[in-house]
PDB file of N, CA and C in Angstrom:
ATOM      1  N   MET A   1     -17.068 -14.259  10.697  1.00  0.00           N
ATOM      2  CA  MET A   1     -16.801 -12.882  11.040  1.00  0.00           C
ATOM      3  C   MET A   1     -16.449 -12.111   9.884  1.00  0.00           C
ATOM      4  N   LYS A   2     -16.750 -10.842   9.839  1.00  0.00           N
ATOM      5  CA  LYS A   2     -16.426 -10.077   8.749  1.00  0.00           C
ATOM      6  C   LYS A   2     -15.178  -9.099   9.132  1.00  0.00           C
ATOM      7  N   PHE A   3     -14.333  -8.876   8.209  1.00  0.00           N
ATOM      8  CA  PHE A   3     -13.115  -8.149   8.470  1.00  0.00           C
ATOM      9  C   PHE A   3     -12.861  -7.043   7.301  1.00  0.00           C
ATOM     10  N   LEU A   4     -12.193  -6.026   7.617  1.00  0.00           N
ATOM     11  CA  LEU A   4     -11.876  -5.058   6.635  1.00  0.00           C
ATOM     12  C   LEU A   4     -10.300  -4.949   6.678  1.00  0.00           C
ATOM     13  N   ALA A   5      -9.692  -5.150   5.561  1.00  0.00           N
ATOM     14  CA  ALA A   5      -8.301  -5.070   5.444  1.00  0.00           C
ATOM     15  C   ALA A   5      -7.977  -3.752   4.737  1.00  0.00           C
ATOM     16  N   GLU A   6      -7.003  -2.994   5.290  1.00  0.00           N
ATOM     17  CA  GLU A   6      -6.463  -1.703   4.687  1.00  0.00           C
ATOM     18  C   GLU A   6      -4.943  -2.022   4.210  1.00  0.00           C
ATOM     19  N   ILE A   7      -4.786  -2.009   2.973  1.00  0.00           N
ATOM     20  CA  ILE A   7      -3.422  -2.461   2.416  1.00  0.00           C
ATOM     21  C   ILE A   7      -2.847  -1.261   1.686  1.00  0.00           C
ATOM     22  N   ASN A   8      -1.449  -1.146   2.058  1.00  0.00           N
ATOM     23  CA  ASN A   8      -0.686  -0.099   1.308  1.00  0.00           C
ATOM     24  C   ASN A   8       0.492  -0.863   0.678  1.00  0.00           C
ATOM     25  N   VAL A   9       0.619  -0.495  -0.606  1.00  0.00           N
ATOM     26  CA  VAL A   9       1.669  -1.101  -1.513  1.00  0.00           C
ATOM     27  C   VAL A   9       2.470   0.162  -2.046  1.00  0.00           C
ATOM     28  N   MET A  10       3.717   0.020  -1.777  1.00  0.00           N
ATOM     29  CA  MET A  10       4.627   1.133  -2.188  1.00  0.00           C
ATOM     30  C   MET A  10       5.845   0.521  -2.905  1.00  0.00           C
ATOM     31  N   PRO A  11       6.402   1.404  -3.830  1.00  0.00           N
ATOM     32  CA  PRO A  11       7.593   1.043  -4.439  1.00  0.00           C
ATOM     33  C   PRO A  11       8.635   0.840  -3.482  1.00  0.00           C
ATOM     34  N   LEU A  12       9.665  -0.138  -3.706  1.00  0.00           N
ATOM     35  CA  LEU A  12      10.779  -0.263  -2.839  1.00  0.00           C
ATOM     36  C   LEU A  12      11.589   1.026  -2.826  1.00  0.00           C
ATOM     37  N   LYS A  13      12.095   1.342  -1.500  1.00  0.00           N
ATOM     38  CA  LYS A  13      12.911   2.591  -1.481  1.00  0.00           C
ATOM     39  C   LYS A  13      14.096   2.645  -2.402  1.00  0.00           C
ATOM     40  N   ALA A  14      14.748   1.370  -2.709  1.00  0.00           N
ATOM     41  CA  ALA A  14      15.885   1.376  -3.475  1.00  0.00           C
ATOM     42  C   ALA A  14      15.559   1.691  -4.939  1.00  0.00           C
ATOM     43  N   LEU A  15      14.385   1.649  -5.319  1.00  0.00           N
ATOM     44  CA  LEU A  15      14.009   1.877  -6.722  1.00  0.00           C
ATOM     45  C   LEU A  15      13.541   3.238  -7.101  1.00  0.00           C
ATOM     46  N   LEU A  16      13.742   3.638  -8.267  1.00  0.00           N
ATOM     47  CA  LEU A  16      13.344   5.075  -8.717  1.00  0.00           C
ATOM     48  C   LEU A  16      11.801   5.034  -8.784  1.00  0.00           C
ATOM     49  N   ASP A  17      11.307   6.044  -8.451  1.00  0.00           N
ATOM     50  CA  ASP A  17       9.678   6.332  -8.455  1.00  0.00           C
ATOM     51  C   ASP A  17       9.399   7.464  -9.446  1.00  0.00           C
ATOM     52  N   PRO A  18       9.357   7.225 -10.786  1.00  0.00           N
ATOM     53  CA  PRO A  18       9.189   8.368 -11.653  1.00  0.00           C
ATOM     54  C   PRO A  18       7.898   9.163 -11.362  1.00  0.00           C
ATOM     55  N   GLN A  19       6.916   8.514 -10.998  1.00  0.00           N
ATOM     56  CA  GLN A  19       5.620   9.239 -10.752  1.00  0.00           C
ATOM     57  C   GLN A  19       5.808  10.145  -9.556  1.00  0.00           C
ATOM     58  N   GLY A  20       6.452   9.666  -8.459  1.00  0.00           N
ATOM     59  CA  GLY A  20       6.835  10.340  -7.329  1.00  0.00           C
ATOM     60  C   GLY A  20       7.678  11.593  -7.601  1.00  0.00           C
ATOM     61  N   LYS A  21       8.700  11.313  -8.478  1.00  0.00           N
ATOM     62  CA  LYS A  21       9.654  12.437  -8.719  1.00  0.00           C
ATOM     63  C   LYS A  21       8.888  13.534  -9.523  1.00  0.00           C
ATOM     64  N   ALA A  22       7.957  13.146 -10.488  1.00  0.00           N
ATOM     65  CA  ALA A  22       7.231  14.171 -11.208  1.00  0.00           C
ATOM     66  C   ALA A  22       6.415  15.031 -10.349  1.00  0.00           C
ATOM     67  N   VAL A  23       5.694  14.360  -9.475  1.00  0.00           N
ATOM     68  CA  VAL A  23       4.900  15.199  -8.323  1.00  0.00           C
ATOM     69  C   VAL A  23       5.719  16.002  -7.539  1.00  0.00           C
ATOM     70  N   LEU A  24       6.915  15.509  -7.113  1.00  0.00           N
ATOM     71  CA  LEU A  24       7.830  16.365  -6.261  1.00  0.00           C
ATOM     72  C   LEU A  24       8.280  17.567  -7.192  1.00  0.00           C
ATOM     73  N   GLN A  25       8.563  17.417  -8.387  1.00  0.00           N
ATOM     74  CA  GLN A  25       8.948  18.600  -9.181  1.00  0.00           C
ATOM     75  C   GLN A  25       7.884  19.507  -9.379  1.00  0.00           C
ATOM     76  N   SER A  26       6.576  19.003  -9.557  1.00  0.00           N
ATOM     77  CA  SER A  26       5.595  19.977  -9.704  1.00  0.00           C
ATOM     78  C   SER A  26       5.205  20.658  -8.441  1.00  0.00           C
ATOM     79  N   MET A  27       5.337  20.050  -7.197  1.00  0.00           N
ATOM     80  CA  MET A  27       5.189  20.772  -6.010  1.00  0.00           C
ATOM     81  C   MET A  27       6.117  21.857  -5.785  1.00  0.00           C
ATOM     82  N   HIS A  28       7.374  21.522  -6.163  1.00  0.00           N
ATOM     83  CA  HIS A  28       8.372  22.600  -5.973  1.00  0.00           C
ATOM     84  C   HIS A  28       8.107  23.812  -6.978  1.00  0.00           C
ATOM     85  N   ASN A  29       7.545  23.410  -8.162  1.00  0.00           N
ATOM     86  CA  ASN A  29       7.312  24.538  -9.159  1.00  0.00           C
ATOM     87  C   ASN A  29       6.147  25.311  -8.686  1.00  0.00           C
ATOM     88  N   ILE A  30       5.218  24.868  -7.830  1.00  0.00           N
ATOM     89  CA  ILE A  30       4.117  25.628  -7.513  1.00  0.00           C
ATOM     90  C   ILE A  30       4.372  26.356  -6.093  1.00  0.00           C
ATOM     91  N   GLY A  31       5.575  26.043  -5.485  1.00  0.00           N
ATOM     92  CA  GLY A  31       5.876  26.837  -4.331  1.00  0.00           C
ATOM     93  C   GLY A  31       6.003  25.988  -3.060  1.00  0.00           C
ATOM     94  N   TYR A  32       5.875  24.653  -3.098  1.00  0.00           N
ATOM     95  CA  TYR A  32       6.080  23.786  -1.921  1.00  0.00           C
ATOM     96  C   TYR A  32       7.522  23.422  -1.823  1.00  0.00           C
ATOM     97  N   LYS A  33       8.450  24.337  -1.631  1.00  0.00           N
ATOM     98  CA  LYS A  33       9.801  24.209  -1.726  1.00  0.00           C
ATOM     99  C   LYS A  33      10.377  23.217  -0.614  1.00  0.00           C
ATOM    100  N   THR A  34       9.596  23.148   0.521  1.00  0.00           N
ATOM    101  CA  THR A  34      10.123  22.389   1.651  1.00  0.00           C
ATOM    102  C   THR A  34       9.855  20.855   1.651  1.00  0.00           C
ATOM    103  N   VAL A  35       8.989  20.491   0.551  1.00  0.00           N
ATOM    104  CA  VAL A  35       8.807  19.053   0.316  1.00  0.00           C
ATOM    105  C   VAL A  35      10.009  18.430  -0.238  1.00  0.00           C
ATOM    106  N   GLY A  36      10.483  17.296   0.546  1.00  0.00           N
ATOM    107  CA  GLY A  36      11.779  16.695   0.266  1.00  0.00           C
ATOM    108  C   GLY A  36      11.681  15.474  -0.582  1.00  0.00           C
ATOM    109  N   ASP A  37      10.562  14.631  -0.513  1.00  0.00           N
ATOM    110  CA  ASP A  37      10.445  13.388  -1.183  1.00  0.00           C
ATOM    111  C   ASP A  37       8.919  13.050  -1.404  1.00  0.00           C
ATOM    112  N   VAL A  38       8.645  12.524  -2.480  1.00  0.00           N
ATOM    113  CA  VAL A  38       7.263  12.006  -2.728  1.00  0.00           C
ATOM    114  C   VAL A  38       7.455  10.583  -3.276  1.00  0.00           C
ATOM    115  N   ARG A  39       6.661   9.679  -2.712  1.00  0.00           N
ATOM    116  CA  ARG A  39       6.558   8.347  -3.247  1.00  0.00           C
ATOM    117  C   ARG A  39       4.992   8.011  -3.530  1.00  0.00           C
ATOM    118  N   ILE A  40       4.757   7.467  -4.583  1.00  0.00           N
ATOM    119  CA  ILE A  40       3.403   7.210  -4.914  1.00  0.00           C
ATOM    120  C   ILE A  40       3.200   5.644  -4.905  1.00  0.00           C
ATOM    121  N   GLY A  41       2.111   5.189  -4.351  1.00  0.00           N
ATOM    122  CA  GLY A  41       1.782   3.823  -4.254  1.00  0.00           C
ATOM    123  C   GLY A  41       0.254   3.592  -4.339  1.00  0.00           C
ATOM    124  N   LYS A  42      -0.151   2.366  -3.902  1.00  0.00           N
ATOM    125  CA  LYS A  42      -1.685   2.064  -3.949  1.00  0.00           C
ATOM    126  C   LYS A  42      -2.171   1.800  -2.553  1.00  0.00           C
ATOM    127  N   HIS A  43      -3.443   2.155  -2.431  1.00  0.00           N
ATOM    128  CA  HIS A  43      -4.201   1.915  -1.134  1.00  0.00           C
ATOM    129  C   HIS A  43      -5.354   1.067  -1.487  1.00  0.00           C
ATOM    130  N   ILE A  44      -5.453  -0.120  -0.891  1.00  0.00           N
ATOM    131  CA  ILE A  44      -6.490  -1.026  -1.308  1.00  0.00           C
ATOM    132  C   ILE A  44      -7.246  -1.409  -0.028  1.00  0.00           C
ATOM    133  N   THR A  45      -8.618  -1.453  -0.160  1.00  0.00           N
ATOM    134  CA  THR A  45      -9.306  -1.894   1.003  1.00  0.00           C
ATOM    135  C   THR A  45     -10.207  -3.264   0.404  1.00  0.00           C
ATOM    136  N   ILE A  46     -10.184  -4.271   1.324  1.00  0.00           N
ATOM    137  CA  ILE A  46     -10.913  -5.401   1.036  1.00  0.00           C
ATOM    138  C   ILE A  46     -11.718  -5.790   2.220  1.00  0.00           C
ATOM    139  N   GLU A  47     -13.008  -6.215   1.919  1.00  0.00           N
ATOM    140  CA  GLU A  47     -13.758  -6.824   2.963  1.00  0.00           C
ATOM    141  C   GLU A  47     -13.883  -8.386   2.763  1.00  0.00           C
ATOM    142  N   LEU A  48     -13.670  -9.082   3.818  1.00  0.00           N
ATOM    143  CA  LEU A  48     -13.663 -10.479   3.649  1.00  0.00           C
ATOM    144  C   LEU A  48     -14.171 -11.193   4.907  1.00  0.00           C
ATOM    145  N   GLU A  49     -14.833 -12.349   4.640  1.00  0.00           N
ATOM    146  CA  GLU A  49     -15.279 -13.217   5.799  1.00  0.00           C
ATOM    147  C   GLU A  49     -14.247 -14.259   6.154  1.00  0.00           C
ATOM    148  N   ALA A  50     -14.068 -14.438   7.436  1.00  0.00           N
ATOM    149  CA  ALA A  50     -13.047 -15.405   7.993  1.00  0.00           C
ATOM    150  C   ALA A  50     -13.511 -15.846   9.366  1.00  0.00           C
ATOM    151  N   ASP A  51     -13.034 -17.032   9.764  1.00  0.00           N
ATOM    152  CA  ASP A  51     -13.406 -17.554  11.078  1.00  0.00           C
ATOM    153  C   ASP A  51     -12.694 -16.910  12.219  1.00  0.00           C
ATOM    154  N   ALA A  52     -11.546 -16.263  11.958  1.00  0.00           N
ATOM    155  CA  ALA A  52     -10.773 -15.601  12.914  1.00  0.00           C
ATOM    156  C   ALA A  52      -9.858 -14.645  12.166  1.00  0.00           C
ATOM    157  N   LYS A  53      -9.361 -13.583  13.065  1.00  0.00           N
ATOM    158  CA  LYS A  53      -8.551 -12.685  12.528  1.00  0.00           C
ATOM    159  C   LYS A  53      -7.229 -13.199  11.914  1.00  0.00           C
ATOM    160  N   GLU A  54      -6.674 -14.185  12.608  1.00  0.00           N
ATOM    161  CA  GLU A  54      -5.439 -14.808  11.988  1.00  0.00           C
ATOM    162  C   GLU A  54      -5.658 -15.404  10.644  1.00  0.00           C
ATOM    163  N   VAL A  55      -6.797 -15.961  10.430  1.00  0.00           N
ATOM    164  CA  VAL A  55      -7.280 -16.568   9.136  1.00  0.00           C
ATOM    165  C   VAL A  55      -7.269 -15.414   8.027  1.00  0.00           C
ATOM    166  N   ALA A  56      -7.991 -14.247   8.451  1.00  0.00           N
ATOM    167  CA  ALA A  56      -8.048 -13.158   7.563  1.00  0.00           C
ATOM    168  C   ALA A  56      -6.695 -12.592   7.310  1.00  0.00           C
ATOM    169  N   GLU A  57      -5.805 -12.501   8.152  1.00  0.00           N
ATOM    170  CA  GLU A  57      -4.498 -11.978   7.964  1.00  0.00           C
ATOM    171  C   GLU A  57      -3.685 -12.863   7.011  1.00  0.00           C
ATOM    172  N   ALA A  58      -3.853 -14.211   7.077  1.00  0.00           N
ATOM    173  CA  ALA A  58      -3.203 -15.132   6.192  1.00  0.00           C
ATOM    174  C   ALA A  58      -3.700 -14.973   4.778  1.00  0.00           C
ATOM    175  N   ILE A  59      -5.008 -14.726   4.710  1.00  0.00           N
ATOM    176  CA  ILE A  59      -5.629 -14.624   3.354  1.00  0.00           C
ATOM    177  C   ILE A  59      -5.044 -13.388   2.642  1.00  0.00           C
ATOM    178  N   ILE A  60      -5.083 -12.346   3.394  1.00  0.00           N
ATOM    179  CA  ILE A  60      -4.652 -11.064   2.899  1.00  0.00           C
ATOM    180  C   ILE A  60      -3.140 -11.133   2.529  1.00  0.00           C
ATOM    181  N   ALA A  61      -2.337 -11.603   3.440  1.00  0.00           N
ATOM    182  CA  ALA A  61      -0.880 -11.744   3.104  1.00  0.00           C
ATOM    183  C   ALA A  61      -0.651 -12.431   1.868  1.00  0.00           C
ATOM    184  N   ASP A  62      -1.353 -13.639   1.790  1.00  0.00           N
ATOM    185  CA  ASP A  62      -1.245 -14.397   0.512  1.00  0.00           C
ATOM    186  C   ASP A  62      -1.712 -13.673  -0.825  1.00  0.00           C
ATOM    187  N   ALA A  63      -2.791 -13.023  -0.647  1.00  0.00           N
ATOM    188  CA  ALA A  63      -3.237 -12.144  -1.820  1.00  0.00           C
ATOM    189  C   ALA A  63      -2.244 -11.097  -2.185  1.00  0.00           C
ATOM    190  N   CYS A  64      -1.741 -10.413  -1.164  1.00  0.00           N
ATOM    191  CA  CYS A  64      -0.615  -9.408  -1.372  1.00  0.00           C
ATOM    192  C   CYS A  64       0.594  -9.921  -2.105  1.00  0.00           C
ATOM    193  N   LYS A  65       0.980 -11.181  -1.638  1.00  0.00           N
ATOM    194  CA  LYS A  65       2.173 -11.737  -2.281  1.00  0.00           C
ATOM    195  C   LYS A  65       1.997 -12.176  -3.758  1.00  0.00           C
ATOM    196  N   LYS A  66       0.738 -12.790  -3.938  1.00  0.00           N
ATOM    197  CA  LYS A  66       0.401 -13.474  -5.204  1.00  0.00           C
ATOM    198  C   LYS A  66      -0.162 -12.556  -6.155  1.00  0.00           C
ATOM    199  N   MET A  67      -0.912 -11.440  -5.767  1.00  0.00           N
ATOM    200  CA  MET A  67      -1.579 -10.699  -6.787  1.00  0.00           C
ATOM    201  C   MET A  67      -1.539  -9.171  -6.628  1.00  0.00           C
ATOM    202  N   LEU A  68      -1.643  -8.603  -5.383  1.00  0.00           N
ATOM    203  CA  LEU A  68      -1.790  -7.199  -5.172  1.00  0.00           C
ATOM    204  C   LEU A  68      -0.486  -6.412  -5.225  1.00  0.00           C
ATOM    205  N   SER A  69       0.602  -7.139  -5.215  1.00  0.00           N
ATOM    206  CA  SER A  69       1.941  -6.416  -5.187  1.00  0.00           C
ATOM    207  C   SER A  69       3.039  -7.223  -6.041  1.00  0.00           C
ATOM    208  N   ASN A  70       3.938  -6.538  -6.655  1.00  0.00           N
ATOM    209  CA  ASN A  70       5.004  -7.140  -7.375  1.00  0.00           C
ATOM    210  C   ASN A  70       6.192  -7.091  -6.482  1.00  0.00           C
ATOM    211  N   GLN A  71       6.554  -8.291  -5.830  1.00  0.00           N
ATOM    212  CA  GLN A  71       7.374  -8.374  -4.757  1.00  0.00           C
ATOM    213  C   GLN A  71       8.886  -7.995  -5.246  1.00  0.00           C
ATOM    214  N   ILE A  72       9.157  -8.051  -6.545  1.00  0.00           N
ATOM    215  CA  ILE A  72      10.447  -7.570  -7.057  1.00  0.00           C
ATOM    216  C   ILE A  72      10.616  -6.014  -6.812  1.00  0.00           C
ATOM    217  N   MET A  73       9.490  -5.243  -7.042  1.00  0.00           N
ATOM    218  CA  MET A  73       9.524  -3.901  -7.023  1.00  0.00           C
ATOM    219  C   MET A  73       8.750  -3.150  -6.004  1.00  0.00           C
ATOM    220  N   GLU A  74       7.932  -3.831  -5.271  1.00  0.00           N
ATOM    221  CA  GLU A  74       7.056  -3.284  -4.209  1.00  0.00           C
ATOM    222  C   GLU A  74       7.056  -3.905  -2.877  1.00  0.00           C
ATOM    223  N   SER A  75       6.759  -3.227  -1.859  1.00  0.00           N
ATOM    224  CA  SER A  75       6.581  -3.729  -0.548  1.00  0.00           C
ATOM    225  C   SER A  75       5.066  -3.563  -0.157  1.00  0.00           C
ATOM    226  N   PHE A  76       4.650  -4.229   0.740  1.00  0.00           N
ATOM    227  CA  PHE A  76       3.287  -4.076   1.267  1.00  0.00           C
ATOM    228  C   PHE A  76       3.187  -4.065   2.822  1.00  0.00           C
ATOM    229  N   GLU A  77       2.200  -3.484   3.307  1.00  0.00           N
ATOM    230  CA  GLU A  77       1.731  -3.542   4.720  1.00  0.00           C
ATOM    231  C   GLU A  77       0.243  -3.475   4.771  1.00  0.00           C
ATOM    232  N   PHE A  78      -0.207  -4.067   5.726  1.00  0.00           N
ATOM    233  CA  PHE A  78      -1.711  -4.145   5.926  1.00  0.00           C
ATOM    234  C   PHE A  78      -2.159  -4.128   7.407  1.00  0.00           C
ATOM    235  N   THR A  79      -3.362  -3.658   7.685  1.00  0.00           N
ATOM    236  CA  THR A  79      -4.046  -3.880   8.935  1.00  0.00           C
ATOM    237  C   THR A  79      -5.296  -4.439   8.725  1.00  0.00           C
ATOM    238  N   ILE A  80      -5.848  -5.228   9.570  1.00  0.00           N
ATOM    239  CA  ILE A  80      -7.109  -5.865   9.512  1.00  0.00           C
ATOM    240  C   ILE A  80      -7.856  -5.495  10.817  1.00  0.00           C
ATOM    241  N   LYS A  81      -9.165  -5.212  10.670  1.00  0.00           N
ATOM    242  CA  LYS A  81     -10.034  -5.025  11.776  1.00  0.00           C
ATOM    243  C   LYS A  81     -11.299  -5.685  11.472  1.00  0.00           C
ATOM    244  N   GLN A  82     -11.902  -6.067  12.653  1.00  0.00           N
ATOM    245  CA  GLN A  82     -13.232  -6.787  12.583  1.00  0.00           C
ATOM    246  C   GLN A  82     -14.343  -5.717  12.413  1.00  0.00           C
ATOM    247  N   VAL A  83     -15.216  -5.964  11.542  1.00  0.00           N
ATOM    248  CA  VAL A  83     -16.319  -5.008  11.362  1.00  0.00           C
ATOM    249  C   VAL A  83     -17.634  -5.782  11.685  1.00  0.00           C
ATOM    250  N   LYS A  84     -18.679  -4.979  11.991  1.00  0.00           N
ATOM    251  CA  LYS A  84     -20.011  -5.561  12.362  1.00  0.00           C
ATOM    252  C   LYS A  84     -20.969  -5.744  11.224  1.00  0.00           C
TER     253      LYS A  84
END
């Protein structure tokens, strides 16, 4: 079966996000004064073949832990759906 994984990797909330802070400051400078916080991360999509959704989930979780995120500084979450 073919699956599509949608993965979001974000900096941990406890860590400073300089890119997010720069965007926040720029938004305030151009008039978006009501914006309170900006965090910048990565969005990754992966198509994969697996025998079952549980197998696909295990593959993606392992890839996120080993390669797609830095577990010391980032968290990740993902969804997987079957595609035709």
